[in-house]
Amino acid sequence: MKYLFSWVCLFLLNFNSFSQELTTNSQLSLNLLAPSVEYELAVSPNSSVDMNLGVGFAYHKSTYSGEAYGFFPGFEAQYRYYYNFNKRADKGLKTSENSANYIAGVASVTGGEPIIGDLKYVSDYGGFVGPSWGLQRVYNSGFKLNLNLGVGVGFNERQSYFTPLFGFQLGWLVAQ
């Protein structure tokens, strides 16, 4: 009986530590390329709500107006569903700190005046809503990489339009 109790405790301890690796974590990170603060809130074992406050980069090139760029203040929120925790764990790859691939619903809003740059919008704000696919990796050093690709509807107070989404973040995990 004593051995059975020991084996059950050992099994539960291992099962508990294994299950923690295969679930989402709430975490705070700082991004460098487009400076921002990001908080990812775990809402279920495979999903999270990611909120990002900072600046975004925009580039526009046309034959009519030439080239222009700008860094704009903005806020973005995503509902992420991580779909490959088990597959990564089976291969012996890291799954903690939400290191996995995901599909997401994205909504963002940005200001119309650039903080830096010469790209001027005629609107006071711009927004985006649409689906995306992404991958996030957090390395043992805390270094974080996130790639986000999608399509959706961009809008402002004057018009709406179909547009691609490309997001690339490099930064560090600050707290978990």
N, C-alpha and C. Protein backbone atom coordinates (compact mmCIF):
# COMPACT_ATOMS: atom_id res chain seq x y z
N MET A 1 0.83 -1.20 0.00
CA MET A 1 0.00 0.00 0.00
C MET A 1 0.87 1.26 0.00
N LYS A 2 1.96 1.21 0.77
CA LYS A 2 2.87 2.34 0.85
C LYS A 2 3.47 2.64 -0.53
N TYR A 3 3.82 1.60 -1.28
CA TYR A 3 4.39 1.79 -2.60
C TYR A 3 3.37 2.32 -3.59
N LEU A 4 2.15 1.85 -3.50
CA LEU A 4 1.08 2.33 -4.37
C LEU A 4 0.85 3.82 -4.17
N PHE A 5 0.82 4.26 -2.90
CA PHE A 5 0.65 5.68 -2.60
C PHE A 5 1.81 6.50 -3.19
N SER A 6 3.04 5.98 -3.07
CA SER A 6 4.21 6.68 -3.62
C SER A 6 4.12 6.79 -5.14
N TRP A 7 3.71 5.71 -5.81
CA TRP A 7 3.58 5.73 -7.26
C TRP A 7 2.49 6.69 -7.71
N VAL A 8 1.37 6.71 -7.01
CA VAL A 8 0.28 7.63 -7.35
C VAL A 8 0.74 9.08 -7.18
N CYS A 9 1.42 9.38 -6.08
CA CYS A 9 1.93 10.75 -5.88
C CYS A 9 2.93 11.13 -6.95
N LEU A 10 3.82 10.23 -7.30
CA LEU A 10 4.80 10.49 -8.34
C LEU A 10 4.12 10.72 -9.68
N PHE A 11 3.12 9.89 -10.01
CA PHE A 11 2.36 10.05 -11.25
C PHE A 11 1.65 11.40 -11.29
N LEU A 12 0.97 11.77 -10.22
CA LEU A 12 0.25 13.04 -10.19
C LEU A 12 1.20 14.22 -10.28
N LEU A 13 2.34 14.13 -9.64
CA LEU A 13 3.34 15.20 -9.71
C LEU A 13 3.83 15.36 -11.15
N ASN A 14 4.15 14.24 -11.81
CA ASN A 14 4.60 14.31 -13.20
C ASN A 14 3.50 14.76 -14.13
N PHE A 15 2.28 14.29 -13.93
CA PHE A 15 1.15 14.71 -14.76
C PHE A 15 0.90 16.20 -14.61
N ASN A 16 0.98 16.71 -13.39
CA ASN A 16 0.76 18.13 -13.14
C ASN A 16 1.83 18.98 -13.83
N SER A 17 3.09 18.59 -13.73
CA SER A 17 4.14 19.39 -14.36
C SER A 17 4.04 19.30 -15.88
N PHE A 18 3.65 18.14 -16.42
CA PHE A 18 3.49 17.99 -17.86
C PHE A 18 2.33 18.83 -18.37
N SER A 19 1.22 18.86 -17.64
CA SER A 19 0.06 19.61 -18.11
C SER A 19 0.31 21.11 -18.07
N GLN A 20 1.17 21.57 -17.18
CA GLN A 20 1.46 23.00 -17.13
C GLN A 20 2.21 23.44 -18.38
N GLU A 21 3.03 22.57 -18.95
CA GLU A 21 3.77 22.93 -20.15
C GLU A 21 2.87 23.01 -21.37
N LEU A 22 1.74 22.33 -21.35
CA LEU A 22 0.88 22.27 -22.52
C LEU A 22 -0.34 23.17 -22.40
N THR A 23 -0.23 24.23 -21.64
CA THR A 23 -1.31 25.19 -21.52
C THR A 23 -0.75 26.59 -21.70
N THR A 24 -1.63 27.52 -22.04
CA THR A 24 -1.18 28.89 -22.21
C THR A 24 -0.84 29.51 -20.86
N ASN A 25 0.04 30.50 -20.91
CA ASN A 25 0.46 31.23 -19.72
C ASN A 25 0.15 32.71 -19.91
N SER A 26 -0.18 33.40 -18.82
CA SER A 26 -0.26 34.86 -18.88
C SER A 26 1.15 35.39 -18.80
N GLN A 27 1.46 36.40 -19.60
CA GLN A 27 2.83 36.92 -19.62
C GLN A 27 2.89 38.36 -20.12
N LEU A 28 3.92 39.06 -19.67
CA LEU A 28 4.16 40.45 -20.05
C LEU A 28 5.48 40.52 -20.80
N SER A 29 5.51 41.23 -21.94
CA SER A 29 6.74 41.35 -22.71
C SER A 29 6.90 42.76 -23.27
N LEU A 30 8.13 43.09 -23.58
CA LEU A 30 8.48 44.36 -24.21
C LEU A 30 9.02 44.06 -25.60
N ASN A 31 8.54 44.81 -26.60
CA ASN A 31 8.94 44.61 -27.99
C ASN A 31 9.85 45.75 -28.42
N LEU A 32 10.84 45.42 -29.26
CA LEU A 32 11.86 46.40 -29.64
C LEU A 32 11.68 47.04 -31.01
N LEU A 33 11.38 46.28 -32.06
CA LEU A 33 11.34 46.84 -33.42
C LEU A 33 10.38 48.02 -33.52
N ALA A 34 9.17 47.82 -33.11
CA ALA A 34 8.19 48.89 -32.97
C ALA A 34 7.88 48.92 -31.47
N PRO A 35 8.49 49.82 -30.72
CA PRO A 35 8.40 49.77 -29.25
C PRO A 35 6.97 49.65 -28.74
N SER A 36 6.76 48.64 -27.88
CA SER A 36 5.43 48.42 -27.34
C SER A 36 5.51 47.54 -26.10
N VAL A 37 4.42 47.57 -25.34
CA VAL A 37 4.23 46.70 -24.19
C VAL A 37 3.10 45.75 -24.55
N GLU A 38 3.32 44.47 -24.28
CA GLU A 38 2.35 43.45 -24.66
C GLU A 38 2.00 42.58 -23.45
N TYR A 39 0.71 42.38 -23.24
CA TYR A 39 0.26 41.49 -22.17
C TYR A 39 -0.62 40.41 -22.78
N GLU A 40 -0.28 39.17 -22.52
CA GLU A 40 -1.04 38.04 -23.02
C GLU A 40 -1.71 37.35 -21.83
N LEU A 41 -3.03 37.34 -21.83
CA LEU A 41 -3.82 36.78 -20.73
C LEU A 41 -4.35 35.41 -21.13
N ALA A 42 -3.97 34.36 -20.40
CA ALA A 42 -4.47 33.02 -20.66
C ALA A 42 -5.94 32.96 -20.27
N VAL A 43 -6.80 32.48 -21.18
CA VAL A 43 -8.23 32.38 -20.89
C VAL A 43 -8.72 30.94 -20.92
N SER A 44 -7.92 30.00 -21.44
CA SER A 44 -8.24 28.58 -21.42
C SER A 44 -6.92 27.84 -21.66
N PRO A 45 -6.92 26.52 -21.59
CA PRO A 45 -5.65 25.79 -21.80
C PRO A 45 -5.00 26.05 -23.16
N ASN A 46 -5.78 26.35 -24.19
CA ASN A 46 -5.21 26.56 -25.52
C ASN A 46 -5.43 27.95 -26.09
N SER A 47 -5.97 28.89 -25.34
CA SER A 47 -6.24 30.20 -25.92
C SER A 47 -5.88 31.33 -24.96
N SER A 48 -5.68 32.49 -25.56
CA SER A 48 -5.32 33.68 -24.79
C SER A 48 -5.86 34.92 -25.48
N VAL A 49 -5.87 36.01 -24.75
CA VAL A 49 -6.17 37.32 -25.30
C VAL A 49 -4.88 38.13 -25.19
N ASP A 50 -4.37 38.59 -26.32
CA ASP A 50 -3.12 39.33 -26.38
C ASP A 50 -3.44 40.80 -26.63
N MET A 51 -2.91 41.68 -25.78
CA MET A 51 -3.13 43.13 -25.93
C MET A 51 -1.78 43.82 -26.06
N ASN A 52 -1.67 44.70 -27.04
CA ASN A 52 -0.41 45.35 -27.35
C ASN A 52 -0.64 46.86 -27.47
N LEU A 53 0.08 47.63 -26.67
CA LEU A 53 0.00 49.09 -26.70
C LEU A 53 1.37 49.64 -27.03
N GLY A 54 1.45 50.43 -28.10
CA GLY A 54 2.75 50.98 -28.49
C GLY A 54 2.66 51.71 -29.80
N VAL A 55 3.68 51.51 -30.62
CA VAL A 55 3.71 52.15 -31.94
C VAL A 55 3.80 51.08 -33.01
N GLY A 56 3.23 51.41 -34.17
CA GLY A 56 3.29 50.53 -35.32
C GLY A 56 3.92 51.26 -36.49
N PHE A 57 4.44 50.51 -37.43
CA PHE A 57 5.12 51.07 -38.58
C PHE A 57 4.22 50.92 -39.81
N ALA A 58 4.17 51.96 -40.63
CA ALA A 58 3.42 51.90 -41.89
C ALA A 58 4.31 52.45 -43.01
N TYR A 59 4.20 51.82 -44.16
CA TYR A 59 4.96 52.23 -45.34
C TYR A 59 4.00 52.26 -46.52
N HIS A 60 4.12 53.29 -47.34
CA HIS A 60 3.24 53.42 -48.51
C HIS A 60 4.08 53.87 -49.70
N LYS A 61 3.86 53.20 -50.83
CA LYS A 61 4.56 53.58 -52.06
C LYS A 61 3.54 53.59 -53.19
N SER A 62 3.50 54.69 -53.92
CA SER A 62 2.62 54.77 -55.08
C SER A 62 3.26 55.63 -56.15
N THR A 63 2.82 55.47 -57.37
CA THR A 63 3.35 56.28 -58.46
C THR A 63 2.84 57.71 -58.35
N TYR A 64 1.72 57.89 -57.70
CA TYR A 64 1.13 59.22 -57.56
C TYR A 64 1.82 60.05 -56.48
N SER A 65 1.99 59.47 -55.29
CA SER A 65 2.52 60.25 -54.16
C SER A 65 3.93 59.87 -53.75
N GLY A 66 4.53 58.88 -54.35
CA GLY A 66 5.89 58.47 -54.00
C GLY A 66 5.91 57.58 -52.77
N GLU A 67 7.05 57.61 -52.06
CA GLU A 67 7.23 56.78 -50.88
C GLU A 67 7.08 57.60 -49.61
N ALA A 68 6.51 56.96 -48.59
CA ALA A 68 6.37 57.62 -47.29
C ALA A 68 6.29 56.54 -46.21
N TYR A 69 6.68 56.89 -45.00
CA TYR A 69 6.60 55.97 -43.87
C TYR A 69 6.19 56.74 -42.63
N GLY A 70 5.81 56.00 -41.61
CA GLY A 70 5.46 56.63 -40.34
C GLY A 70 5.36 55.62 -39.21
N PHE A 71 5.66 56.09 -38.01
CA PHE A 71 5.44 55.33 -36.78
C PHE A 71 4.23 55.94 -36.10
N PHE A 72 3.20 55.14 -35.88
CA PHE A 72 1.92 55.63 -35.38
C PHE A 72 1.59 54.99 -34.03
N PRO A 73 1.01 55.76 -33.10
CA PRO A 73 0.58 55.15 -31.84
C PRO A 73 -0.61 54.23 -32.11
N GLY A 74 -0.67 53.12 -31.37
CA GLY A 74 -1.76 52.20 -31.63
C GLY A 74 -2.01 51.20 -30.52
N PHE A 75 -3.13 50.52 -30.65
CA PHE A 75 -3.53 49.45 -29.74
C PHE A 75 -4.03 48.29 -30.58
N GLU A 76 -3.59 47.08 -30.23
CA GLU A 76 -4.03 45.89 -30.95
C GLU A 76 -4.44 44.82 -29.94
N ALA A 77 -5.52 44.11 -30.24
CA ALA A 77 -5.96 42.99 -29.41
C ALA A 77 -6.18 41.79 -30.31
N GLN A 78 -5.80 40.62 -29.80
CA GLN A 78 -5.96 39.38 -30.54
C GLN A 78 -6.53 38.31 -29.62
N TYR A 79 -7.45 37.53 -30.15
CA TYR A 79 -7.86 36.30 -29.48
C TYR A 79 -7.09 35.19 -30.18
N ARG A 80 -6.19 34.51 -29.46
CA ARG A 80 -5.33 33.49 -30.05
C ARG A 80 -5.76 32.09 -29.61
N TYR A 81 -5.77 31.18 -30.57
CA TYR A 81 -5.97 29.77 -30.28
C TYR A 81 -4.71 29.03 -30.69
N TYR A 82 -3.96 28.50 -29.71
CA TYR A 82 -2.73 27.74 -29.97
C TYR A 82 -3.11 26.30 -30.29
N TYR A 83 -2.71 25.84 -31.47
CA TYR A 83 -3.19 24.54 -31.94
C TYR A 83 -2.14 23.43 -31.98
N ASN A 84 -0.88 23.71 -31.68
CA ASN A 84 0.11 22.64 -31.83
C ASN A 84 0.99 22.41 -30.60
N PHE A 85 0.46 22.63 -29.40
CA PHE A 85 1.22 22.33 -28.19
C PHE A 85 1.64 20.86 -28.15
N ASN A 86 0.69 19.95 -28.38
CA ASN A 86 0.99 18.51 -28.27
C ASN A 86 2.00 18.07 -29.32
N LYS A 87 1.87 18.54 -30.54
CA LYS A 87 2.79 18.17 -31.60
C LYS A 87 4.21 18.62 -31.28
N ARG A 88 4.35 19.85 -30.76
CA ARG A 88 5.68 20.35 -30.38
C ARG A 88 6.24 19.55 -29.21
N ALA A 89 5.40 19.23 -28.23
CA ALA A 89 5.87 18.46 -27.07
C ALA A 89 6.30 17.06 -27.50
N ASP A 90 5.57 16.43 -28.42
CA ASP A 90 5.94 15.10 -28.91
C ASP A 90 7.30 15.11 -29.59
N LYS A 91 7.66 16.23 -30.22
CA LYS A 91 8.96 16.35 -30.88
C LYS A 91 10.07 16.80 -29.93
N GLY A 92 9.71 17.05 -28.66
CA GLY A 92 10.69 17.49 -27.68
C GLY A 92 10.99 18.98 -27.75
N LEU A 93 10.13 19.74 -28.42
CA LEU A 93 10.33 21.19 -28.56
C LEU A 93 9.67 21.93 -27.41
N LYS A 94 10.12 23.12 -27.14
CA LYS A 94 9.61 23.93 -26.04
C LYS A 94 8.17 24.38 -26.31
N THR A 95 7.33 24.27 -25.29
CA THR A 95 5.95 24.74 -25.38
C THR A 95 5.62 25.76 -24.30
N SER A 96 6.50 25.92 -23.31
CA SER A 96 6.21 26.89 -22.26
C SER A 96 6.29 28.31 -22.80
N GLU A 97 5.73 29.25 -22.06
CA GLU A 97 5.64 30.66 -22.47
C GLU A 97 4.94 30.82 -23.83
N ASN A 98 3.98 29.94 -24.11
CA ASN A 98 3.17 30.00 -25.31
C ASN A 98 4.00 29.90 -26.59
N SER A 99 5.03 29.07 -26.57
CA SER A 99 5.85 28.84 -27.75
C SER A 99 5.14 27.83 -28.64
N ALA A 100 4.33 28.32 -29.55
CA ALA A 100 3.54 27.46 -30.43
C ALA A 100 2.99 28.29 -31.58
N ASN A 101 2.30 27.61 -32.50
CA ASN A 101 1.61 28.29 -33.60
C ASN A 101 0.18 28.58 -33.18
N TYR A 102 -0.42 29.59 -33.79
CA TYR A 102 -1.79 29.97 -33.42
C TYR A 102 -2.55 30.53 -34.61
N ILE A 103 -3.87 30.50 -34.47
CA ILE A 103 -4.75 31.27 -35.35
C ILE A 103 -5.41 32.31 -34.46
N ALA A 104 -5.72 33.46 -35.04
CA ALA A 104 -6.20 34.56 -34.20
C ALA A 104 -7.21 35.42 -34.93
N GLY A 105 -8.04 36.07 -34.14
CA GLY A 105 -8.86 37.17 -34.60
C GLY A 105 -8.20 38.44 -34.14
N VAL A 106 -7.99 39.39 -35.03
CA VAL A 106 -7.21 40.60 -34.73
C VAL A 106 -8.09 41.84 -34.89
N ALA A 107 -7.95 42.77 -33.95
CA ALA A 107 -8.57 44.09 -34.07
C ALA A 107 -7.54 45.11 -33.62
N SER A 108 -7.36 46.17 -34.40
CA SER A 108 -6.40 47.20 -34.02
C SER A 108 -6.91 48.58 -34.42
N VAL A 109 -6.41 49.57 -33.72
CA VAL A 109 -6.71 50.96 -34.05
C VAL A 109 -5.42 51.76 -33.88
N THR A 110 -5.16 52.67 -34.83
CA THR A 110 -3.97 53.52 -34.78
C THR A 110 -4.36 54.97 -34.97
N GLY A 111 -3.52 55.85 -34.46
CA GLY A 111 -3.73 57.28 -34.64
C GLY A 111 -3.36 57.71 -36.05
N GLY A 112 -3.90 58.82 -36.50
CA GLY A 112 -3.67 59.29 -37.86
C GLY A 112 -2.45 60.16 -38.05
N GLU A 113 -1.89 60.68 -36.97
CA GLU A 113 -0.69 61.53 -37.06
C GLU A 113 0.53 60.73 -36.66
N PRO A 114 1.58 60.69 -37.49
CA PRO A 114 2.76 59.91 -37.12
C PRO A 114 3.56 60.57 -36.01
N ILE A 115 4.15 59.75 -35.16
CA ILE A 115 5.08 60.24 -34.15
C ILE A 115 6.39 60.61 -34.84
N ILE A 116 6.81 59.74 -35.77
CA ILE A 116 8.01 59.95 -36.58
C ILE A 116 7.64 59.57 -38.01
N GLY A 117 8.10 60.35 -38.98
CA GLY A 117 7.89 60.00 -40.37
C GLY A 117 7.09 61.04 -41.13
N ASP A 118 6.95 60.81 -42.43
CA ASP A 118 6.28 61.76 -43.31
C ASP A 118 5.00 61.23 -43.93
N LEU A 119 4.54 60.06 -43.51
CA LEU A 119 3.30 59.50 -44.03
C LEU A 119 2.13 60.16 -43.31
N LYS A 120 1.35 60.92 -44.04
CA LYS A 120 0.20 61.62 -43.46
C LYS A 120 -1.08 60.97 -43.94
N TYR A 121 -1.94 60.67 -43.00
CA TYR A 121 -3.26 60.14 -43.33
C TYR A 121 -4.26 61.29 -43.30
N VAL A 122 -5.28 61.21 -44.12
CA VAL A 122 -6.32 62.23 -44.12
C VAL A 122 -7.30 62.00 -42.97
N SER A 123 -7.24 60.84 -42.34
CA SER A 123 -8.14 60.49 -41.25
C SER A 123 -7.47 60.67 -39.89
N ASP A 124 -8.28 60.80 -38.87
CA ASP A 124 -7.76 60.92 -37.52
C ASP A 124 -7.36 59.59 -36.92
N TYR A 125 -7.84 58.49 -37.50
CA TYR A 125 -7.52 57.16 -36.99
C TYR A 125 -7.62 56.16 -38.14
N GLY A 126 -7.08 54.99 -37.90
CA GLY A 126 -7.22 53.87 -38.82
C GLY A 126 -7.44 52.61 -38.01
N GLY A 127 -8.11 51.64 -38.59
CA GLY A 127 -8.36 50.41 -37.88
C GLY A 127 -8.22 49.20 -38.78
N PHE A 128 -8.20 48.04 -38.16
CA PHE A 128 -8.10 46.78 -38.87
C PHE A 128 -8.86 45.71 -38.10
N VAL A 129 -9.57 44.85 -38.82
CA VAL A 129 -10.24 43.69 -38.24
C VAL A 129 -10.08 42.53 -39.21
N GLY A 130 -9.66 41.36 -38.70
CA GLY A 130 -9.53 40.21 -39.57
C GLY A 130 -8.87 39.02 -38.90
N PRO A 131 -8.83 37.89 -39.60
CA PRO A 131 -8.17 36.69 -39.08
C PRO A 131 -6.68 36.70 -39.40
N SER A 132 -5.91 35.91 -38.64
CA SER A 132 -4.49 35.79 -38.93
C SER A 132 -3.97 34.43 -38.47
N TRP A 133 -2.78 34.11 -38.93
CA TRP A 133 -2.03 32.94 -38.49
C TRP A 133 -0.73 33.46 -37.92
N GLY A 134 -0.24 32.82 -36.88
CA GLY A 134 1.01 33.28 -36.31
C GLY A 134 1.81 32.19 -35.64
N LEU A 135 3.04 32.53 -35.35
CA LEU A 135 3.88 31.66 -34.54
C LEU A 135 4.61 32.52 -33.53
N GLN A 136 4.74 31.97 -32.34
CA GLN A 136 5.43 32.67 -31.25
C GLN A 136 6.44 31.71 -30.65
N ARG A 137 7.65 32.21 -30.44
CA ARG A 137 8.69 31.43 -29.78
C ARG A 137 9.33 32.29 -28.71
N VAL A 138 9.45 31.71 -27.52
CA VAL A 138 10.16 32.36 -26.42
C VAL A 138 11.29 31.43 -26.04
N TYR A 139 12.52 31.92 -26.13
CA TYR A 139 13.70 31.10 -25.88
C TYR A 139 14.08 31.16 -24.40
N ASN A 140 14.96 30.25 -23.99
CA ASN A 140 15.33 30.15 -22.58
C ASN A 140 15.89 31.45 -22.03
N SER A 141 16.52 32.26 -22.85
CA SER A 141 17.07 33.54 -22.41
C SER A 141 15.98 34.59 -22.17
N GLY A 142 14.74 34.29 -22.58
CA GLY A 142 13.65 35.25 -22.47
C GLY A 142 13.41 36.01 -23.76
N PHE A 143 14.30 35.83 -24.75
CA PHE A 143 14.13 36.47 -26.05
C PHE A 143 12.87 35.93 -26.71
N LYS A 144 12.07 36.83 -27.28
CA LYS A 144 10.78 36.47 -27.86
C LYS A 144 10.70 36.88 -29.32
N LEU A 145 10.16 35.98 -30.14
CA LEU A 145 9.95 36.22 -31.56
C LEU A 145 8.48 35.92 -31.85
N ASN A 146 7.82 36.80 -32.58
CA ASN A 146 6.43 36.60 -32.95
C ASN A 146 6.22 37.06 -34.39
N LEU A 147 5.63 36.19 -35.20
CA LEU A 147 5.29 36.51 -36.59
C LEU A 147 3.79 36.34 -36.74
N ASN A 148 3.14 37.30 -37.39
CA ASN A 148 1.69 37.31 -37.52
C ASN A 148 1.33 37.71 -38.96
N LEU A 149 0.60 36.85 -39.68
CA LEU A 149 0.22 37.11 -41.06
C LEU A 149 -1.29 36.95 -41.21
N GLY A 150 -1.92 37.86 -41.93
CA GLY A 150 -3.36 37.76 -42.11
C GLY A 150 -3.88 38.69 -43.18
N VAL A 151 -5.18 38.69 -43.33
CA VAL A 151 -5.88 39.59 -44.23
C VAL A 151 -7.15 40.06 -43.52
N GLY A 152 -7.63 41.21 -43.92
CA GLY A 152 -8.84 41.68 -43.29
C GLY A 152 -9.31 43.00 -43.88
N VAL A 153 -10.11 43.68 -43.11
CA VAL A 153 -10.69 44.95 -43.53
C VAL A 153 -10.03 46.07 -42.75
N GLY A 154 -9.46 47.02 -43.48
CA GLY A 154 -8.95 48.24 -42.88
C GLY A 154 -10.03 49.30 -43.01
N PHE A 155 -10.04 50.25 -42.09
CA PHE A 155 -11.08 51.27 -42.14
C PHE A 155 -10.62 52.56 -41.46
N ASN A 156 -11.27 53.63 -41.82
CA ASN A 156 -11.14 54.92 -41.13
C ASN A 156 -12.51 55.60 -41.22
N GLU A 157 -12.60 56.86 -40.86
CA GLU A 157 -13.93 57.50 -40.85
C GLU A 157 -14.48 57.77 -42.25
N ARG A 158 -13.66 57.60 -43.29
CA ARG A 158 -14.09 57.88 -44.65
C ARG A 158 -14.33 56.66 -45.53
N GLN A 159 -13.60 55.56 -45.27
CA GLN A 159 -13.68 54.42 -46.17
C GLN A 159 -13.30 53.12 -45.46
N SER A 160 -13.59 52.01 -46.13
CA SER A 160 -13.10 50.70 -45.69
C SER A 160 -12.48 50.02 -46.91
N TYR A 161 -11.53 49.12 -46.68
CA TYR A 161 -10.78 48.53 -47.77
C TYR A 161 -10.18 47.20 -47.32
N PHE A 162 -9.90 46.32 -48.27
CA PHE A 162 -9.28 45.04 -48.03
C PHE A 162 -7.77 45.25 -47.92
N THR A 163 -7.13 44.65 -46.90
CA THR A 163 -5.71 44.88 -46.71
C THR A 163 -5.02 43.68 -46.07
N PRO A 164 -3.73 43.48 -46.35
CA PRO A 164 -3.00 42.40 -45.68
C PRO A 164 -2.53 42.85 -44.30
N LEU A 165 -2.20 41.88 -43.47
CA LEU A 165 -1.63 42.14 -42.15
C LEU A 165 -0.28 41.44 -42.07
N PHE A 166 0.74 42.17 -41.67
CA PHE A 166 2.06 41.59 -41.44
C PHE A 166 2.57 42.16 -40.13
N GLY A 167 2.82 41.30 -39.18
CA GLY A 167 3.37 41.72 -37.91
C GLY A 167 4.59 40.91 -37.56
N PHE A 168 5.65 41.59 -37.13
CA PHE A 168 6.89 40.93 -36.74
C PHE A 168 7.39 41.59 -35.48
N GLN A 169 7.55 40.83 -34.42
CA GLN A 169 7.98 41.40 -33.14
C GLN A 169 9.21 40.67 -32.63
N LEU A 170 10.15 41.43 -32.13
CA LEU A 170 11.30 40.92 -31.40
C LEU A 170 11.32 41.62 -30.05
N GLY A 171 11.53 40.87 -29.00
CA GLY A 171 11.53 41.50 -27.68
C GLY A 171 11.92 40.53 -26.60
N TRP A 172 11.55 40.86 -25.36
CA TRP A 172 11.87 40.03 -24.21
C TRP A 172 10.66 39.83 -23.34
N LEU A 173 10.58 38.62 -22.82
CA LEU A 173 9.58 38.29 -21.83
C LEU A 173 10.03 38.91 -20.51
N VAL A 174 9.18 39.73 -19.90
CA VAL A 174 9.53 40.44 -18.67
C VAL A 174 8.99 39.73 -17.45
N ALA A 175 7.76 39.25 -17.51
CA ALA A 175 7.13 38.59 -16.35
C ALA A 175 6.15 37.55 -16.83
N GLN A 176 6.01 36.53 -15.99
CA GLN A 176 5.05 35.49 -16.30
C GLN A 176 4.19 35.22 -15.10
